[in-house]
PDB file of N, CA and C in Angstrom:
ATOM      1  N   UNK A   1       0.913  -1.176   0.160  1.00  0.00           N
ATOM      2  CA  UNK A   1      -0.310  -0.159   0.253  1.00  0.00           C
ATOM      3  C   UNK A   1       1.075   1.191   0.033  1.00  0.00           C
ATOM      4  N   UNK A   2       1.061   2.213  -0.651  1.00  0.00           N
ATOM      5  CA  UNK A   2       1.783   3.270  -0.597  1.00  0.00           C
ATOM      6  C   UNK A   2       1.332   4.707  -0.290  1.00  0.00           C
ATOM      7  N   UNK A   3       2.680   5.326   0.603  1.00  0.00           N
ATOM      8  CA  UNK A   3       1.669   5.748   1.230  1.00  0.00           C
ATOM      9  C   UNK A   3       0.704   6.909   1.249  1.00  0.00           C
ATOM     10  N   UNK A   4       0.114   7.732   2.139  1.00  0.00           N
ATOM     11  CA  UNK A   4      -0.896   8.795   1.613  1.00  0.00           C
ATOM     12  C   UNK A   4      -0.345  10.175   0.984  1.00  0.00           C
ATOM     13  N   UNK A   5      -0.720  10.515   0.857  1.00  0.00           N
ATOM     14  CA  UNK A   5      -0.050  11.610  -0.706  1.00  0.00           C
ATOM     15  C   UNK A   5       0.235  12.838   0.860  1.00  0.00           C
ATOM     16  N   UNK A   6      -0.314  13.069   1.996  1.00  0.00           N
ATOM     17  CA  UNK A   6       0.646  14.366   2.940  1.00  0.00           C
ATOM     18  C   UNK A   6       2.017  13.477   3.679  1.00  0.00           C
ATOM     19  N   UNK A   7       2.749  12.438   2.929  1.00  0.00           N
ATOM     20  CA  UNK A   7       3.636  12.042   3.561  1.00  0.00           C
ATOM     21  C   UNK A   7       4.453  11.357   2.592  1.00  0.00           C
ATOM     22  N   UNK A   8       3.830  11.669   1.269  1.00  0.00           N
ATOM     23  CA  UNK A   8       5.290  12.048   0.153  1.00  0.00           C
ATOM     24  C   UNK A   8       5.808  13.367   0.620  1.00  0.00           C
ATOM     25  N   UNK A   9       7.157  12.594   0.009  1.00  0.00           N
ATOM     26  CA  UNK A   9       8.365  13.647  -0.311  1.00  0.00           C
ATOM     27  C   UNK A   9       8.177  15.021  -0.724  1.00  0.00           C
ATOM     28  N   UNK A  10       8.255  16.020  -0.604  1.00  0.00           N
ATOM     29  CA  UNK A  10       8.124  16.686  -1.402  1.00  0.00           C
ATOM     30  C   UNK A  10       9.852  17.501  -2.127  1.00  0.00           C
ATOM     31  N   UNK A  11       9.851  18.186  -3.487  1.00  0.00           N
ATOM     32  CA  UNK A  11      11.074  18.262  -3.648  1.00  0.00           C
ATOM     33  C   UNK A  11      11.072  20.031  -2.940  1.00  0.00           C
ATOM     34  N   UNK A  12      12.243  20.942  -2.680  1.00  0.00           N
ATOM     35  CA  UNK A  12      12.236  21.419  -2.567  1.00  0.00           C
ATOM     36  C   UNK A  12      12.662  22.892  -3.908  1.00  0.00           C
ATOM     37  N   UNK A  13      11.341  23.440  -3.826  1.00  0.00           N
ATOM     38  CA  UNK A  13      11.769  23.963  -4.880  1.00  0.00           C
ATOM     39  C   UNK A  13      11.356  25.852  -4.667  1.00  0.00           C
ATOM     40  N   UNK A  14      13.300  26.636  -5.620  1.00  0.00           N
ATOM     41  CA  UNK A  14      13.000  28.048  -5.650  1.00  0.00           C
ATOM     42  C   UNK A  14      11.264  28.824  -4.741  1.00  0.00           C
ATOM     43  N   UNK A  15      11.076  29.931  -4.635  1.00  0.00           N
ATOM     44  CA  UNK A  15      10.269  30.836  -4.193  1.00  0.00           C
ATOM     45  C   UNK A  15      10.189  31.379  -5.170  1.00  0.00           C
ATOM     46  N   UNK A  16      10.857  31.875  -6.134  1.00  0.00           N
ATOM     47  CA  UNK A  16      10.950  32.774  -7.120  1.00  0.00           C
ATOM     48  C   UNK A  16       9.293  32.165  -8.066  1.00  0.00           C
ATOM     49  N   UNK A  17       9.860  30.752  -7.660  1.00  0.00           N
ATOM     50  CA  UNK A  17       9.028  29.796  -9.214  1.00  0.00           C
ATOM     51  C   UNK A  17       7.915  29.803  -9.345  1.00  0.00           C
ATOM     52  N   UNK A  18       7.495  29.676  -7.434  1.00  0.00           N
ATOM     53  CA  UNK A  18       6.161  29.029  -6.822  1.00  0.00           C
ATOM     54  C   UNK A  18       5.793  30.771  -6.867  1.00  0.00           C
ATOM     55  N   UNK A  19       5.840  31.949  -7.199  1.00  0.00           N
ATOM     56  CA  UNK A  19       5.374  33.490  -6.617  1.00  0.00           C
ATOM     57  C   UNK A  19       5.045  32.783  -7.895  1.00  0.00           C
ATOM     58  N   UNK A  20       5.891  32.631  -9.106  1.00  0.00           N
ATOM     59  CA  UNK A  20       5.259  33.212 -10.662  1.00  0.00           C
ATOM     60  C   UNK A  20       4.361  32.200 -10.857  1.00  0.00           C
ATOM     61  N   UNK A  21       4.448  31.314 -10.737  1.00  0.00           N
ATOM     62  CA  UNK A  21       3.011  29.877 -10.749  1.00  0.00           C
ATOM     63  C   UNK A  21       1.855  30.999 -10.661  1.00  0.00           C
ATOM     64  N   UNK A  22       1.545  30.141 -12.193  1.00  0.00           N
ATOM     65  CA  UNK A  22      -0.326  31.017 -12.820  1.00  0.00           C
ATOM     66  C   UNK A  22      -1.307  30.655 -11.562  1.00  0.00           C
ATOM     67  N   UNK A  23      -2.089  31.039 -10.928  1.00  0.00           N
ATOM     68  CA  UNK A  23      -3.256  30.057  -9.480  1.00  0.00           C
ATOM     69  C   UNK A  23      -2.481  29.788  -8.460  1.00  0.00           C
ATOM     70  N   UNK A  24      -1.608  30.230  -8.434  1.00  0.00           N
ATOM     71  CA  UNK A  24      -0.386  30.188  -6.996  1.00  0.00           C
ATOM     72  C   UNK A  24      -0.925  30.659  -5.966  1.00  0.00           C
ATOM     73  N   UNK A  25      -1.475  30.853  -4.525  1.00  0.00           N
ATOM     74  CA  UNK A  25      -1.886  31.518  -3.791  1.00  0.00           C
ATOM     75  C   UNK A  25      -0.218  32.527  -3.141  1.00  0.00           C
ATOM     76  N   UNK A  26       0.209  32.348  -3.729  1.00  0.00           N
ATOM     77  CA  UNK A  26       1.563  32.848  -3.821  1.00  0.00           C
ATOM     78  C   UNK A  26       1.595  34.037  -4.483  1.00  0.00           C
ATOM     79  N   UNK A  27       1.644  33.741  -5.505  1.00  0.00           N
ATOM     80  CA  UNK A  27       1.342  35.169  -6.735  1.00  0.00           C
ATOM     81  C   UNK A  27       0.044  35.793  -6.251  1.00  0.00           C
ATOM     82  N   UNK A  28      -0.570  34.695  -6.448  1.00  0.00           N
ATOM     83  CA  UNK A  28      -1.842  35.801  -6.144  1.00  0.00           C
ATOM     84  C   UNK A  28      -2.237  37.319  -4.552  1.00  0.00           C
ATOM     85  N   UNK A  29      -0.793  36.437  -3.713  1.00  0.00           N
ATOM     86  CA  UNK A  29      -0.771  37.250  -2.059  1.00  0.00           C
ATOM     87  C   UNK A  29      -0.041  38.458  -2.558  1.00  0.00           C
ATOM     88  N   UNK A  30       1.496  37.776  -3.802  1.00  0.00           N
ATOM     89  CA  UNK A  30       2.191  39.004  -4.528  1.00  0.00           C
ATOM     90  C   UNK A  30       1.458  40.064  -5.201  1.00  0.00           C
ATOM     91  N   UNK A  31       0.586  39.828  -6.336  1.00  0.00           N
ATOM     92  CA  UNK A  31       0.224  41.011  -6.994  1.00  0.00           C
ATOM     93  C   UNK A  31      -0.598  41.895  -5.757  1.00  0.00           C
ATOM     94  N   UNK A  32      -1.913  41.398  -4.874  1.00  0.00           N
ATOM     95  CA  UNK A  32      -2.295  42.313  -4.025  1.00  0.00           C
ATOM     96  C   UNK A  32      -1.545  43.402  -2.916  1.00  0.00           C
ATOM     97  N   UNK A  33       0.055  42.484  -2.360  1.00  0.00           N
ATOM     98  CA  UNK A  33       0.512  43.538  -1.529  1.00  0.00           C
ATOM     99  C   UNK A  33       0.917  44.579  -2.325  1.00  0.00           C
ATOM    100  N   UNK A  34       1.698  44.036  -4.142  1.00  0.00           N
ATOM    101  CA  UNK A  34       2.006  44.938  -5.005  1.00  0.00           C
ATOM    102  C   UNK A  34       1.414  45.908  -5.561  1.00  0.00           C
ATOM    103  N   UNK A  35       0.335  46.043  -5.065  1.00  0.00           N
ATOM    104  CA  UNK A  35      -0.719  47.000  -5.910  1.00  0.00           C
ATOM    105  C   UNK A  35      -1.454  47.932  -4.850  1.00  0.00           C
ATOM    106  N   UNK A  36      -1.336  47.132  -3.317  1.00  0.00           N
ATOM    107  CA  UNK A  36      -1.022  47.879  -1.832  1.00  0.00           C
ATOM    108  C   UNK A  36      -0.158  48.917  -1.896  1.00  0.00           C
ATOM    109  N   UNK A  37       0.805  48.272  -2.006  1.00  0.00           N
ATOM    110  CA  UNK A  37       2.426  49.085  -2.132  1.00  0.00           C
ATOM    111  C   UNK A  37       2.017  50.178  -3.085  1.00  0.00           C
ATOM    112  N   UNK A  38       2.017  50.618  -4.227  1.00  0.00           N
ATOM    113  CA  UNK A  38       1.475  51.691  -5.013  1.00  0.00           C
ATOM    114  C   UNK A  38       0.327  52.101  -4.741  1.00  0.00           C
ATOM    115  N   UNK A  39      -0.474  51.211  -4.059  1.00  0.00           N
ATOM    116  CA  UNK A  39      -1.533  52.811  -3.896  1.00  0.00           C
ATOM    117  C   UNK A  39      -0.988  53.629  -2.661  1.00  0.00           C
ATOM    118  N   UNK A  40      -0.433  52.847  -1.759  1.00  0.00           N
ATOM    119  CA  UNK A  40       0.460  53.822  -0.406  1.00  0.00           C
ATOM    120  C   UNK A  40       1.232  55.167  -0.914  1.00  0.00           C
ATOM    121  N   UNK A  41       2.265  54.134  -2.173  1.00  0.00           N
ATOM    122  CA  UNK A  41       2.616  55.385  -2.382  1.00  0.00           C
ATOM    123  C   UNK A  41       2.608  56.675  -3.456  1.00  0.00           C
ATOM    124  N   UNK A  42       1.359  56.848  -3.383  1.00  0.00           N
ATOM    125  CA  UNK A  42      -0.243  57.296  -4.395  1.00  0.00           C
ATOM    126  C   UNK A  42      -0.486  58.232  -3.554  1.00  0.00           C
ATOM    127  N   UNK A  43      -1.093  57.623  -2.158  1.00  0.00           N
ATOM    128  CA  UNK A  43      -1.727  58.315  -0.340  1.00  0.00           C
ATOM    129  C   UNK A  43      -0.364  59.506  -0.619  1.00  0.00           C
ATOM    130  N   UNK A  44       0.959  58.565   0.372  1.00  0.00           N
ATOM    131  CA  UNK A  44       1.975  60.011   0.785  1.00  0.00           C
ATOM    132  C   UNK A  44       2.532  60.898  -0.266  1.00  0.00           C
ATOM    133  N   UNK A  45       2.097  60.681  -1.405  1.00  0.00           N
ATOM    134  CA  UNK A  45       2.192  61.904  -2.561  1.00  0.00           C
ATOM    135  C   UNK A  45       1.159  62.768  -1.677  1.00  0.00           C
ATOM    136  N   UNK A  46       0.226  62.410  -1.729  1.00  0.00           N
ATOM    137  CA  UNK A  46      -0.700  63.638  -2.356  1.00  0.00           C
ATOM    138  C   UNK A  46      -1.260  64.020  -0.708  1.00  0.00           C
ATOM    139  N   UNK A  47      -0.110  63.561   0.505  1.00  0.00           N
ATOM    140  CA  UNK A  47      -0.653  63.982   1.805  1.00  0.00           C
ATOM    141  C   UNK A  47       0.221  64.725   1.376  1.00  0.00           C
ATOM    142  N   UNK A  48      -0.125  66.529   3.026  1.00  0.00           N
ATOM    143  CA  UNK A  48       1.063  67.197   3.160  1.00  0.00           C
ATOM    144  C   UNK A  48       2.301  66.461   4.114  1.00  0.00           C
ATOM    145  N   UNK A  49       3.177  66.793   3.743  1.00  0.00           N
ATOM    146  CA  UNK A  49       4.675  66.406   4.199  1.00  0.00           C
ATOM    147  C   UNK A  49       4.479  65.984   5.694  1.00  0.00           C
ATOM    148  N   UNK A  50       3.439  66.897   6.628  1.00  0.00           N
ATOM    149  CA  UNK A  50       3.220  66.465   7.549  1.00  0.00           C
ATOM    150  C   UNK A  50       2.970  65.412   8.325  1.00  0.00           C
ATOM    151  N   UNK A  51       1.969  65.052   7.407  1.00  0.00           N
ATOM    152  CA  UNK A  51       0.763  63.904   7.640  1.00  0.00           C
ATOM    153  C   UNK A  51       1.993  62.075   7.164  1.00  0.00           C
ATOM    154  N   UNK A  52       2.451  63.406   6.190  1.00  0.00           N
ATOM    155  CA  UNK A  52       2.929  61.065   5.118  1.00  0.00           C
ATOM    156  C   UNK A  52       2.985  60.412   5.979  1.00  0.00           C
ATOM    157  N   UNK A  53       4.577  61.255   6.475  1.00  0.00           N
ATOM    158  CA  UNK A  53       5.154  59.512   7.862  1.00  0.00           C
ATOM    159  C   UNK A  53       3.793  58.811   8.780  1.00  0.00           C
ATOM    160  N   UNK A  54       2.989  59.772   9.033  1.00  0.00           N
ATOM    161  CA  UNK A  54       1.730  59.411   9.625  1.00  0.00           C
ATOM    162  C   UNK A  54       1.370  58.354  10.060  1.00  0.00           C
ATOM    163  N   UNK A  55       1.041  57.313   8.013  1.00  0.00           N
ATOM    164  CA  UNK A  55      -0.429  57.321   7.819  1.00  0.00           C
ATOM    165  C   UNK A  55       0.152  56.093   6.629  1.00  0.00           C
ATOM    166  N   UNK A  56      -0.616  54.754   6.464  1.00  0.00           N
ATOM    167  CA  UNK A  56       0.015  54.287   6.020  1.00  0.00           C
ATOM    168  C   UNK A  56      -1.897  53.485   5.504  1.00  0.00           C
ATOM    169  N   UNK A  57      -1.492  52.840   3.917  1.00  0.00           N
ATOM    170  CA  UNK A  57      -2.921  52.623   3.810  1.00  0.00           C
ATOM    171  C   UNK A  57      -2.556  50.592   4.062  1.00  0.00           C
ATOM    172  N   UNK A  58      -3.986  50.743   4.564  1.00  0.00           N
ATOM    173  CA  UNK A  58      -4.131  49.311   5.639  1.00  0.00           C
ATOM    174  C   UNK A  58      -4.616  48.612   4.349  1.00  0.00           C
ATOM    175  N   UNK A  59      -5.438  48.585   3.613  1.00  0.00           N
ATOM    176  CA  UNK A  59      -5.812  47.715   2.605  1.00  0.00           C
ATOM    177  C   UNK A  59      -7.223  48.089   2.450  1.00  0.00           C
ATOM    178  N   UNK A  60      -7.388  48.084   0.408  1.00  0.00           N
ATOM    179  CA  UNK A  60      -8.950  48.719  -0.075  1.00  0.00           C
ATOM    180  C   UNK A  60     -10.050  47.106   0.022  1.00  0.00           C
ATOM    181  N   UNK A  61     -10.696  47.938   0.041  1.00  0.00           N
ATOM    182  CA  UNK A  61     -11.804  46.509   0.070  1.00  0.00           C
ATOM    183  C   UNK A  61     -13.043  46.975  -0.080  1.00  0.00           C
ATOM    184  N   UNK A  62     -14.039  45.652  -0.921  1.00  0.00           N
ATOM    185  CA  UNK A  62     -15.160  46.288  -1.218  1.00  0.00           C
ATOM    186  C   UNK A  62     -15.438  48.287  -0.903  1.00  0.00           C
ATOM    187  N   UNK A  63     -14.625  48.529  -2.107  1.00  0.00           N
ATOM    188  CA  UNK A  63     -14.231  50.229  -2.440  1.00  0.00           C
ATOM    189  C   UNK A  63     -14.358  50.693  -1.344  1.00  0.00           C
ATOM    190  N   UNK A  64     -13.710  50.561  -0.255  1.00  0.00           N
ATOM    191  CA  UNK A  64     -13.176  51.315   1.041  1.00  0.00           C
ATOM    192  C   UNK A  64     -11.739  51.026   0.973  1.00  0.00           C
ATOM    193  N   UNK A  65     -11.463  51.853   0.852  1.00  0.00           N
ATOM    194  CA  UNK A  65      -9.757  52.568   0.826  1.00  0.00           C
ATOM    195  C   UNK A  65      -9.389  52.578   2.609  1.00  0.00           C
ATOM    196  N   UNK A  66      -8.977  51.855   3.661  1.00  0.00           N
ATOM    197  CA  UNK A  66      -8.648  51.755   4.716  1.00  0.00           C
ATOM    198  C   UNK A  66      -7.016  52.269   5.300  1.00  0.00           C
ATOM    199  N   UNK A  67      -6.852  53.575   5.782  1.00  0.00           N
ATOM    200  CA  UNK A  67      -5.894  54.363   6.099  1.00  0.00           C
ATOM    201  C   UNK A  67      -5.611  53.977   7.335  1.00  0.00           C
ATOM    202  N   UNK A  68      -4.637  53.795   8.174  1.00  0.00           N
ATOM    203  CA  UNK A  68      -4.706  53.735  10.004  1.00  0.00           C
ATOM    204  C   UNK A  68      -3.191  54.857   9.773  1.00  0.00           C
ATOM    205  N   UNK A  69      -3.813  55.432  11.036  1.00  0.00           N
ATOM    206  CA  UNK A  69      -2.994  56.457  11.591  1.00  0.00           C
ATOM    207  C   UNK A  69      -2.542  56.022  13.310  1.00  0.00           C
ATOM    208  N   UNK A  70      -1.242  56.392  13.552  1.00  0.00           N
ATOM    209  CA  UNK A  70      -1.177  56.101  15.296  1.00  0.00           C
ATOM    210  C   UNK A  70      -2.106  57.581  16.135  1.00  0.00           C
ATOM    211  N   UNK A  71      -2.586  58.336  15.590  1.00  0.00           N
ATOM    212  CA  UNK A  71      -2.341  59.770  15.816  1.00  0.00           C
ATOM    213  C   UNK A  71      -3.871  60.032  15.524  1.00  0.00           C
ATOM    214  N   UNK A  72      -5.247  60.349  17.146  1.00  0.00           N
ATOM    215  CA  UNK A  72      -5.866  60.668  16.213  1.00  0.00           C
ATOM    216  C   UNK A  72      -6.577  61.786  16.163  1.00  0.00           C
ATOM    217  N   UNK A  73      -5.463  62.785  16.398  1.00  0.00           N
ATOM    218  CA  UNK A  73      -5.311  64.285  15.529  1.00  0.00           C
ATOM    219  C   UNK A  73      -5.159  63.753  13.422  1.00  0.00           C
ATOM    220  N   UNK A  74      -4.349  63.194  13.893  1.00  0.00           N
ATOM    221  CA  UNK A  74      -4.349  62.807  12.020  1.00  0.00           C
ATOM    222  C   UNK A  74      -5.131  62.085  11.113  1.00  0.00           C
ATOM    223  N   UNK A  75      -6.338  61.100  12.734  1.00  0.00           N
ATOM    224  CA  UNK A  75      -7.586  60.855  12.278  1.00  0.00           C
ATOM    225  C   UNK A  75      -8.837  61.659  11.378  1.00  0.00           C
ATOM    226  N   UNK A  76      -8.715  62.704  11.795  1.00  0.00           N
ATOM    227  CA  UNK A  76     -10.146  63.061  12.538  1.00  0.00           C
ATOM    228  C   UNK A  76      -9.412  64.619  10.782  1.00  0.00           C
ATOM    229  N   UNK A  77      -8.748  64.574  10.426  1.00  0.00           N
ATOM    230  CA  UNK A  77      -7.911  65.616   9.874  1.00  0.00           C
ATOM    231  C   UNK A  77      -8.412  64.374   8.270  1.00  0.00           C
ATOM    232  N   UNK A  78      -8.178  63.422   8.044  1.00  0.00           N
ATOM    233  CA  UNK A  78      -8.322  62.564   7.253  1.00  0.00           C
ATOM    234  C   UNK A  78      -9.330  61.896   6.689  1.00  0.00           C
ATOM    235  N   UNK A  79     -10.392  62.190   7.682  1.00  0.00           N
ATOM    236  CA  UNK A  79     -11.699  62.122   7.884  1.00  0.00           C
ATOM    237  C   UNK A  79     -12.289  63.089   6.818  1.00  0.00           C
ATOM    238  N   UNK A  80     -11.901  64.414   7.976  1.00  0.00           N
ATOM    239  CA  UNK A  80     -12.590  65.721   7.283  1.00  0.00           C
ATOM    240  C   UNK A  80     -12.032  65.594   5.507  1.00  0.00           C
ATOM    241  N   UNK A  81     -10.904  65.291   5.379  1.00  0.00           N
ATOM    242  CA  UNK A  81     -10.370  65.888   4.155  1.00  0.00           C
ATOM    243  C   UNK A  81     -10.660  64.985   2.786  1.00  0.00           C
ATOM    244  N   UNK A  82     -11.346  63.527   3.676  1.00  0.00           N
ATOM    245  CA  UNK A  82     -11.996  62.597   2.616  1.00  0.00           C
ATOM    246  C   UNK A  82     -12.212  62.506   0.861  1.00  0.00           C
ATOM    247  N   UNK A  83     -13.628  62.842   1.125  1.00  0.00           N
ATOM    248  CA  UNK A  83     -13.677  63.129  -0.067  1.00  0.00           C
ATOM    249  C   UNK A  83     -12.595  63.605  -1.479  1.00  0.00           C
ATOM    250  N   UNK A  84     -12.289  64.892  -0.798  1.00  0.00           N
ATOM    251  CA  UNK A  84     -10.850  65.378  -1.729  1.00  0.00           C
ATOM    252  C   UNK A  84      -9.394  64.240  -1.483  1.00  0.00           C
ATOM    253  N   UNK A  85      -9.532  63.900  -1.185  1.00  0.00           N
ATOM    254  CA  UNK A  85      -8.777  62.890  -1.234  1.00  0.00           C
ATOM    255  C   UNK A  85      -8.849  61.697  -2.333  1.00  0.00           C
ATOM    256  N   UNK A  86     -10.100  60.972  -2.388  1.00  0.00           N
ATOM    257  CA  UNK A  86     -10.738  60.416  -2.843  1.00  0.00           C
ATOM    258  C   UNK A  86     -10.916  61.130  -4.573  1.00  0.00           C
ATOM    259  N   UNK A  87     -10.643  61.703  -4.362  1.00  0.00           N
ATOM    260  CA  UNK A  87     -11.218  63.034  -5.802  1.00  0.00           C
ATOM    261  C   UNK A  87      -9.463  62.351  -6.217  1.00  0.00           C
ATOM    262  N   UNK A  88      -8.698  63.090  -5.249  1.00  0.00           N
ATOM    263  CA  UNK A  88      -7.353  63.447  -5.895  1.00  0.00           C
ATOM    264  C   UNK A  88      -6.587  61.664  -6.378  1.00  0.00           C
ATOM    265  N   UNK A  89      -7.006  60.593  -5.486  1.00  0.00           N
ATOM    266  CA  UNK A  89      -6.481  59.839  -6.070  1.00  0.00           C
ATOM    267  C   UNK A  89      -7.368  59.210  -7.139  1.00  0.00           C
ATOM    268  N   UNK A  90      -8.652  59.313  -7.978  1.00  0.00           N
ATOM    269  CA  UNK A  90      -8.743  58.867  -8.542  1.00  0.00           C
ATOM    270  C   UNK A  90      -8.393  59.790  -9.809  1.00  0.00           C
ATOM    271  N   UNK A  91      -7.504  60.770  -9.820  1.00  0.00           N
ATOM    272  CA  UNK A  91      -7.395  61.408 -10.328  1.00  0.00           C
ATOM    273  C   UNK A  91      -5.553  61.277 -11.094  1.00  0.00           C
ATOM    274  N   UNK A  92      -5.431  60.409  -9.906  1.00  0.00           N
ATOM    275  CA  UNK A  92      -4.012  59.611  -9.804  1.00  0.00           C
ATOM    276  C   UNK A  92      -4.330  58.300 -10.784  1.00  0.00           C
ATOM    277  N   UNK A  93      -5.501  57.431 -11.244  1.00  0.00           N
ATOM    278  CA  UNK A  93      -5.226  56.866 -11.626  1.00  0.00           C
ATOM    279  C   UNK A  93      -5.878  55.419 -10.628  1.00  0.00           C
ATOM    280  N   UNK A  94      -6.014  56.056  -9.811  1.00  0.00           N
ATOM    281  CA  UNK A  94      -7.003  54.969  -8.473  1.00  0.00           C
ATOM    282  C   UNK A  94      -7.786  54.790  -8.496  1.00  0.00           C
ATOM    283  N   UNK A  95      -8.311  53.729  -8.942  1.00  0.00           N
ATOM    284  CA  UNK A  95      -9.689  52.980  -9.756  1.00  0.00           C
ATOM    285  C   UNK A  95     -10.546  52.169  -8.373  1.00  0.00           C
ATOM    286  N   UNK A  96     -12.053  51.853  -7.948  1.00  0.00           N
ATOM    287  CA  UNK A  96     -12.699  51.056  -7.251  1.00  0.00           C
ATOM    288  C   UNK A  96     -12.645  52.004  -6.200  1.00  0.00           C
ATOM    289  N   UNK A  97     -12.476  53.140  -5.557  1.00  0.00           N
ATOM    290  CA  UNK A  97     -12.191  53.304  -4.192  1.00  0.00           C
ATOM    291  C   UNK A  97     -13.783  54.372  -4.362  1.00  0.00           C
ATOM    292  N   UNK A  98     -14.074  53.707  -3.502  1.00  0.00           N
ATOM    293  CA  UNK A  98     -15.481  55.217  -3.717  1.00  0.00           C
ATOM    294  C   UNK A  98     -15.963  55.575  -1.937  1.00  0.00           C
ATOM    295  N   UNK A  99     -14.869  55.087  -0.907  1.00  0.00           N
ATOM    296  CA  UNK A  99     -15.730  55.682   0.220  1.00  0.00           C
ATOM    297  C   UNK A  99     -13.978  55.410   1.127  1.00  0.00           C
ATOM    298  N   UNK A 100     -13.734  56.107   2.079  1.00  0.00           N
ATOM    299  CA  UNK A 100     -12.606  56.267   3.094  1.00  0.00           C
ATOM    300  C   UNK A 100     -13.060  55.756   4.532  1.00  0.00           C
ATOM    301  N   UNK A 101     -12.314  54.438   4.994  1.00  0.00           N
ATOM    302  CA  UNK A 101     -12.295  54.413   6.810  1.00  0.00           C
ATOM    303  C   UNK A 101     -10.843  54.657   7.324  1.00  0.00           C
ATOM    304  N   UNK A 102     -10.735  54.821   8.320  1.00  0.00           N
ATOM    305  CA  UNK A 102      -9.623  55.879   8.793  1.00  0.00           C
ATOM    306  C   UNK A 102      -9.501  54.646  10.293  1.00  0.00           C
ATOM    307  N   UNK A 103      -9.525  53.852  10.190  1.00  0.00           N
ATOM    308  CA  UNK A 103      -8.349  53.349  12.008  1.00  0.00           C
ATOM    309  C   UNK A 103      -7.328  53.850  12.231  1.00  0.00           C
ATOM    310  N   UNK A 104      -7.159  54.401  14.261  1.00  0.00           N
ATOM    311  CA  UNK A 104      -6.646  54.509  14.803  1.00  0.00           C
ATOM    312  C   UNK A 104      -6.137  53.497  15.413  1.00  0.00           C
ATOM    313  N   UNK A 105      -4.553  53.025  15.161  1.00  0.00           N
ATOM    314  CA  UNK A 105      -3.590  52.149  15.368  1.00  0.00           C
ATOM    315  C   UNK A 105      -2.397  52.087  15.883  1.00  0.00           C
ATOM    316  N   UNK A 106      -2.530  52.290  16.930  1.00  0.00           N
ATOM    317  CA  UNK A 106      -1.754  53.022  17.836  1.00  0.00           C
ATOM    318  C   UNK A 106       0.024  52.290  17.857  1.00  0.00           C
ATOM    319  N   UNK A 107       0.042  51.628  17.476  1.00  0.00           N
ATOM    320  CA  UNK A 107       1.219  50.765  17.721  1.00  0.00           C
ATOM    321  C   UNK A 107       1.919  50.514  16.003  1.00  0.00           C
ATOM    322  N   UNK A 108       1.077  51.686  15.481  1.00  0.00           N
ATOM    323  CA  UNK A 108       1.873  51.593  13.756  1.00  0.00           C
ATOM    324  C   UNK A 108       3.324  52.315  13.856  1.00  0.00           C
ATOM    325  N   UNK A 109       4.347  51.672  13.513  1.00  0.00           N
ATOM    326  CA  UNK A 109       5.481  53.027  13.305  1.00  0.00           C
ATOM    327  C   UNK A 109       5.305  54.360  12.681  1.00  0.00           C
ATOM    328  N   UNK A 110       6.013  55.136  12.832  1.00  0.00           N
ATOM    329  CA  UNK A 110       5.409  56.515  12.720  1.00  0.00           C
ATOM    330  C   UNK A 110       4.370  57.401  13.510  1.00  0.00           C
ATOM    331  N   UNK A 111       4.712  57.054  14.568  1.00  0.00           N
ATOM    332  CA  UNK A 111       3.567  57.985  15.496  1.00  0.00           C
ATOM    333  C   UNK A 111       4.525  58.924  16.059  1.00  0.00           C
ATOM    334  N   UNK A 112       3.836  59.893  17.249  1.00  0.00           N
ATOM    335  CA  UNK A 112       4.660  60.409  17.946  1.00  0.00           C
ATOM    336  C   UNK A 112       5.845  60.916  18.179  1.00  0.00           C
TER     337      UNK A 112
END
């Protein structure tokens, strides 16, 4: 009787090969991370220099851009300027974002 499939010894493969494989979970994860990094870069470019270091893009989900900051005052300002920021994002090619959510995350680097 052959050993169960989970006991079969598998040869190690390079990570780059796994990430490049179409349909691979790693490939999809990498694409998602790269897309979020691009949105994060656009957001940082659009924010005033005093705010940009304290804001991170956490996610884009269901048409909502989710931003994080460790500073409550910055969160309030982002919420107030949200409609203008969303318009600027569209002007810079960020599509599929219709709303903004701002979360206060105290342990985010770049805080106070």
